[in-house]
C-alpha cells in the first residue's frame, strides 16, 4: 500500500518539475510569437500557476479524503486514536 502513495508522490514531483519547465518555455513562446512583453508573459504565467496550485490543493484534499475512507474501511487505527489508547493504558496502569 505504501508503494502506491510513494509512486503518486513521485509522479506529482515529476509533474511539478515538468510544469515549471513548460511554463518557462510558454513565456518564451508568448514573447516570440505574440509579441507579448516578458512582464505580461510572467504575469500570465503567475496567474496560471496560482490556478494550478489551487487545483493541486483540491486534488490533494480529495485524495486525503479517499485515503481516510480506505483506512476506515480496512480498519486501520489512526495515529491520534493509537496515542489516545496508549495514554489511557498508562493511566490505568498507574492506578494500580
N, C-alpha and C. Protein backbone atom coordinates (compact mmCIF):
# COMPACT_ATOMS: atom_id res chain seq x y z
N UNK A 1 0.83 -1.19 0.00
CA UNK A 1 0.00 0.00 0.00
C UNK A 1 0.87 1.26 0.00
N UNK A 2 1.99 1.22 0.74
CA UNK A 2 2.89 2.36 0.79
C UNK A 2 3.44 2.68 -0.59
N UNK A 3 3.67 1.66 -1.39
CA UNK A 3 4.20 1.86 -2.74
C UNK A 3 3.29 2.74 -3.58
N UNK A 4 2.00 2.58 -3.41
CA UNK A 4 1.03 3.38 -4.17
C UNK A 4 1.20 4.85 -3.82
N UNK A 5 1.30 5.15 -2.53
CA UNK A 5 1.46 6.54 -2.10
C UNK A 5 2.79 7.11 -2.57
N UNK A 6 3.84 6.27 -2.50
CA UNK A 6 5.15 6.72 -2.93
C UNK A 6 5.16 7.04 -4.42
N UNK A 7 4.56 6.17 -5.22
CA UNK A 7 4.50 6.41 -6.67
C UNK A 7 3.70 7.66 -6.99
N UNK A 8 2.59 7.86 -6.29
CA UNK A 8 1.77 9.05 -6.52
C UNK A 8 2.55 10.31 -6.17
N UNK A 9 3.28 10.26 -5.06
CA UNK A 9 4.07 11.41 -4.63
C UNK A 9 5.16 11.73 -5.65
N UNK A 10 5.88 10.72 -6.08
CA UNK A 10 6.95 10.92 -7.05
C UNK A 10 6.40 11.40 -8.39
N UNK A 11 5.24 10.91 -8.78
CA UNK A 11 4.61 11.38 -10.01
C UNK A 11 4.27 12.86 -9.90
N UNK A 12 3.78 13.25 -8.74
CA UNK A 12 3.47 14.66 -8.51
C UNK A 12 4.69 15.54 -8.61
N UNK A 13 5.80 15.08 -8.03
CA UNK A 13 7.05 15.85 -8.11
C UNK A 13 7.51 15.99 -9.56
N UNK A 14 7.40 14.92 -10.30
CA UNK A 14 7.78 14.97 -11.72
C UNK A 14 6.91 15.93 -12.50
N UNK A 15 5.63 15.93 -12.20
CA UNK A 15 4.70 16.83 -12.88
C UNK A 15 5.02 18.28 -12.56
N UNK A 16 5.38 18.55 -11.31
CA UNK A 16 5.73 19.92 -10.92
C UNK A 16 6.97 20.39 -11.67
N UNK A 17 7.97 19.53 -11.75
CA UNK A 17 9.20 19.89 -12.46
C UNK A 17 8.91 20.15 -13.94
N UNK A 18 8.09 19.31 -14.54
CA UNK A 18 7.73 19.49 -15.95
C UNK A 18 6.95 20.78 -16.14
N UNK A 19 6.05 21.07 -15.22
CA UNK A 19 5.22 22.26 -15.33
C UNK A 19 6.07 23.52 -15.30
N UNK A 20 7.08 23.56 -14.42
CA UNK A 20 7.96 24.73 -14.33
C UNK A 20 8.68 24.95 -15.66
N UNK A 21 9.24 23.88 -16.20
CA UNK A 21 9.97 23.99 -17.47
C UNK A 21 9.03 24.41 -18.60
N UNK A 22 7.85 23.81 -18.63
CA UNK A 22 6.88 24.16 -19.67
C UNK A 22 6.44 25.61 -19.53
N UNK A 23 6.31 26.08 -18.30
CA UNK A 23 5.92 27.46 -18.07
C UNK A 23 6.95 28.43 -18.61
N UNK A 24 8.21 28.13 -18.37
CA UNK A 24 9.28 28.98 -18.89
C UNK A 24 9.27 29.00 -20.41
N UNK A 25 9.06 27.84 -21.02
CA UNK A 25 9.00 27.76 -22.48
C UNK A 25 7.78 28.50 -23.01
N UNK A 26 6.69 28.43 -22.27
CA UNK A 26 5.45 29.11 -22.67
C UNK A 26 5.66 30.62 -22.71
N UNK A 27 6.30 31.17 -21.68
CA UNK A 27 6.57 32.62 -21.66
C UNK A 27 7.46 32.99 -22.84
N UNK A 28 8.45 32.18 -23.12
CA UNK A 28 9.35 32.44 -24.25
C UNK A 28 8.56 32.45 -25.56
N UNK A 29 7.67 31.47 -25.73
CA UNK A 29 6.84 31.41 -26.94
C UNK A 29 5.92 32.62 -27.04
N UNK A 30 5.34 33.04 -25.93
CA UNK A 30 4.47 34.22 -25.94
C UNK A 30 5.23 35.44 -26.42
N UNK A 31 6.44 35.58 -25.92
CA UNK A 31 7.27 36.72 -26.32
C UNK A 31 7.56 36.70 -27.82
N UNK A 32 7.94 35.53 -28.32
CA UNK A 32 8.37 35.42 -29.71
C UNK A 32 7.20 35.46 -30.69
N UNK A 33 6.18 34.68 -30.43
CA UNK A 33 5.08 34.53 -31.40
C UNK A 33 4.06 35.66 -31.33
N UNK A 34 3.77 36.11 -30.12
CA UNK A 34 2.66 37.06 -29.97
C UNK A 34 3.11 38.44 -29.53
N UNK A 35 4.41 38.65 -29.52
CA UNK A 35 4.98 39.95 -29.17
C UNK A 35 4.47 40.45 -27.82
N UNK A 36 4.37 39.53 -26.89
CA UNK A 36 3.96 39.87 -25.52
C UNK A 36 5.23 40.21 -24.75
N UNK A 37 5.15 41.25 -23.92
CA UNK A 37 6.33 41.60 -23.14
C UNK A 37 6.61 40.51 -22.11
N UNK A 38 7.84 40.48 -21.68
CA UNK A 38 8.22 39.47 -20.69
C UNK A 38 7.40 39.66 -19.41
N UNK A 39 7.16 40.90 -19.05
CA UNK A 39 6.38 41.20 -17.84
C UNK A 39 4.95 40.66 -17.96
N UNK A 40 4.33 40.87 -19.13
CA UNK A 40 2.97 40.37 -19.36
C UNK A 40 2.95 38.83 -19.36
N UNK A 41 3.96 38.25 -19.98
CA UNK A 41 4.05 36.80 -20.02
C UNK A 41 4.21 36.20 -18.63
N UNK A 42 5.06 36.83 -17.82
CA UNK A 42 5.26 36.35 -16.46
C UNK A 42 4.01 36.53 -15.62
N UNK A 43 3.29 37.65 -15.81
CA UNK A 43 2.05 37.87 -15.07
C UNK A 43 1.03 36.80 -15.42
N UNK A 44 0.94 36.49 -16.71
CA UNK A 44 0.02 35.45 -17.15
C UNK A 44 0.42 34.09 -16.56
N UNK A 45 1.71 33.80 -16.61
CA UNK A 45 2.21 32.54 -16.07
C UNK A 45 1.94 32.45 -14.56
N UNK A 46 2.15 33.56 -13.85
CA UNK A 46 1.87 33.58 -12.41
C UNK A 46 0.40 33.26 -12.14
N UNK A 47 -0.47 33.84 -12.95
CA UNK A 47 -1.90 33.58 -12.79
C UNK A 47 -2.20 32.10 -13.03
N UNK A 48 -1.60 31.53 -14.07
CA UNK A 48 -1.82 30.12 -14.37
C UNK A 48 -1.26 29.23 -13.26
N UNK A 49 -0.10 29.61 -12.72
CA UNK A 49 0.50 28.82 -11.64
C UNK A 49 -0.37 28.86 -10.39
N UNK A 50 -0.96 30.02 -10.11
CA UNK A 50 -1.86 30.14 -8.96
C UNK A 50 -3.07 29.24 -9.15
N UNK A 51 -3.62 29.25 -10.35
CA UNK A 51 -4.77 28.38 -10.63
C UNK A 51 -4.38 26.91 -10.51
N UNK A 52 -3.20 26.56 -10.99
CA UNK A 52 -2.73 25.18 -10.90
C UNK A 52 -2.52 24.77 -9.45
N UNK A 53 -1.97 25.69 -8.65
CA UNK A 53 -1.74 25.40 -7.23
C UNK A 53 -3.06 25.14 -6.53
N UNK A 54 -4.07 25.95 -6.83
CA UNK A 54 -5.39 25.76 -6.24
C UNK A 54 -5.98 24.41 -6.66
N UNK A 55 -5.80 24.07 -7.92
CA UNK A 55 -6.30 22.78 -8.41
C UNK A 55 -5.58 21.62 -7.73
N UNK A 56 -4.26 21.73 -7.58
CA UNK A 56 -3.49 20.68 -6.90
C UNK A 56 -3.97 20.51 -5.47
N UNK A 57 -4.27 21.65 -4.81
CA UNK A 57 -4.74 21.57 -3.42
C UNK A 57 -6.08 20.84 -3.35
N UNK A 58 -6.95 21.14 -4.30
CA UNK A 58 -8.25 20.46 -4.33
C UNK A 58 -8.06 18.95 -4.54
N UNK A 59 -7.17 18.60 -5.46
CA UNK A 59 -6.90 17.18 -5.72
C UNK A 59 -6.28 16.53 -4.48
N UNK A 60 -5.37 17.24 -3.83
CA UNK A 60 -4.74 16.72 -2.62
C UNK A 60 -5.77 16.49 -1.52
N UNK A 61 -6.67 17.45 -1.34
CA UNK A 61 -7.72 17.30 -0.33
C UNK A 61 -8.62 16.11 -0.65
N UNK A 62 -8.97 15.97 -1.91
CA UNK A 62 -9.80 14.84 -2.33
C UNK A 62 -9.08 13.51 -2.10
N UNK A 63 -7.80 13.46 -2.44
CA UNK A 63 -7.02 12.24 -2.24
C UNK A 63 -6.95 11.90 -0.75
N UNK A 64 -6.75 12.92 0.08
CA UNK A 64 -6.69 12.69 1.52
C UNK A 64 -8.01 12.11 2.04
N UNK A 65 -9.11 12.65 1.56
CA UNK A 65 -10.42 12.14 1.96
C UNK A 65 -10.58 10.67 1.54
N UNK A 66 -10.15 10.36 0.33
CA UNK A 66 -10.28 8.99 -0.16
C UNK A 66 -9.40 8.03 0.63
N UNK A 67 -8.19 8.47 0.97
CA UNK A 67 -7.29 7.63 1.76
C UNK A 67 -7.92 7.36 3.13
N UNK A 68 -8.50 8.40 3.73
CA UNK A 68 -9.15 8.22 5.03
C UNK A 68 -10.29 7.20 4.93
N UNK A 69 -11.05 7.26 3.83
CA UNK A 69 -12.13 6.29 3.64
C UNK A 69 -11.58 4.86 3.58
N UNK A 70 -10.49 4.69 2.83
CA UNK A 70 -9.88 3.36 2.69
C UNK A 70 -9.36 2.88 4.04
N UNK A 71 -8.69 3.77 4.76
CA UNK A 71 -8.14 3.41 6.08
C UNK A 71 -9.27 2.99 7.01
N UNK A 72 -10.35 3.75 7.01
CA UNK A 72 -11.50 3.40 7.85
C UNK A 72 -12.11 2.07 7.42
N UNK A 73 -12.19 1.88 6.11
CA UNK A 73 -12.82 0.66 5.58
C UNK A 73 -12.04 -0.60 5.96
N UNK A 74 -10.72 -0.52 5.93
CA UNK A 74 -9.93 -1.71 6.25
C UNK A 74 -9.63 -1.81 7.74
N UNK A 75 -10.05 -0.81 8.50
CA UNK A 75 -9.96 -0.90 9.95
C UNK A 75 -8.63 -0.51 10.56
N UNK A 76 -7.84 0.29 9.88
CA UNK A 76 -6.59 0.75 10.47
C UNK A 76 -6.88 1.81 11.53
N UNK A 77 -6.08 1.81 12.57
CA UNK A 77 -6.24 2.78 13.64
C UNK A 77 -5.43 4.03 13.28
N UNK A 78 -6.04 5.19 13.50
CA UNK A 78 -5.32 6.43 13.22
C UNK A 78 -4.26 6.67 14.30
N UNK A 79 -3.29 7.47 13.99
CA UNK A 79 -2.22 7.79 14.94
C UNK A 79 -2.82 8.45 16.18
N UNK A 80 -3.79 9.31 15.97
CA UNK A 80 -4.44 10.00 17.08
C UNK A 80 -5.14 9.00 18.01
N UNK A 81 -5.88 8.06 17.44
CA UNK A 81 -6.56 7.05 18.25
C UNK A 81 -5.55 6.16 18.97
N UNK A 82 -4.48 5.81 18.30
CA UNK A 82 -3.42 5.00 18.90
C UNK A 82 -2.82 5.71 20.11
N UNK A 83 -2.50 6.98 19.94
CA UNK A 83 -1.93 7.76 21.04
C UNK A 83 -2.89 7.87 22.21
N UNK A 84 -4.18 8.04 21.92
CA UNK A 84 -5.19 8.10 22.98
C UNK A 84 -5.23 6.78 23.76
N UNK A 85 -5.18 5.68 23.03
CA UNK A 85 -5.19 4.37 23.69
C UNK A 85 -3.96 4.17 24.57
N UNK A 86 -2.81 4.56 24.08
CA UNK A 86 -1.59 4.44 24.88
C UNK A 86 -1.70 5.26 26.17
N UNK A 87 -2.20 6.46 26.03
CA UNK A 87 -2.36 7.34 27.19
C UNK A 87 -3.33 6.71 28.20
N UNK A 88 -4.42 6.17 27.70
CA UNK A 88 -5.42 5.54 28.57
C UNK A 88 -4.84 4.31 29.27
N UNK A 89 -4.07 3.53 28.57
CA UNK A 89 -3.42 2.35 29.17
C UNK A 89 -2.48 2.79 30.29
N UNK A 90 -1.69 3.82 30.02
CA UNK A 90 -0.76 4.33 31.03
C UNK A 90 -1.52 4.80 32.27
N UNK A 91 -2.63 5.50 32.06
CA UNK A 91 -3.44 5.97 33.18
C UNK A 91 -3.96 4.80 34.00
N UNK A 92 -4.45 3.78 33.32
CA UNK A 92 -4.97 2.61 34.02
C UNK A 92 -3.87 1.86 34.78
N UNK A 93 -2.70 1.76 34.18
CA UNK A 93 -1.59 1.08 34.85
C UNK A 93 -1.12 1.85 36.07
N UNK A 94 -1.17 3.16 36.01
CA UNK A 94 -0.72 3.99 37.13
C UNK A 94 -1.69 3.95 38.30
N UNK A 95 -2.93 3.59 38.08
CA UNK A 95 -3.92 3.48 39.15
C UNK A 95 -3.63 2.31 40.07
N UNK A 96 -3.01 1.30 39.55
CA UNK A 96 -2.81 0.06 40.31
C UNK A 96 -1.69 0.17 41.26
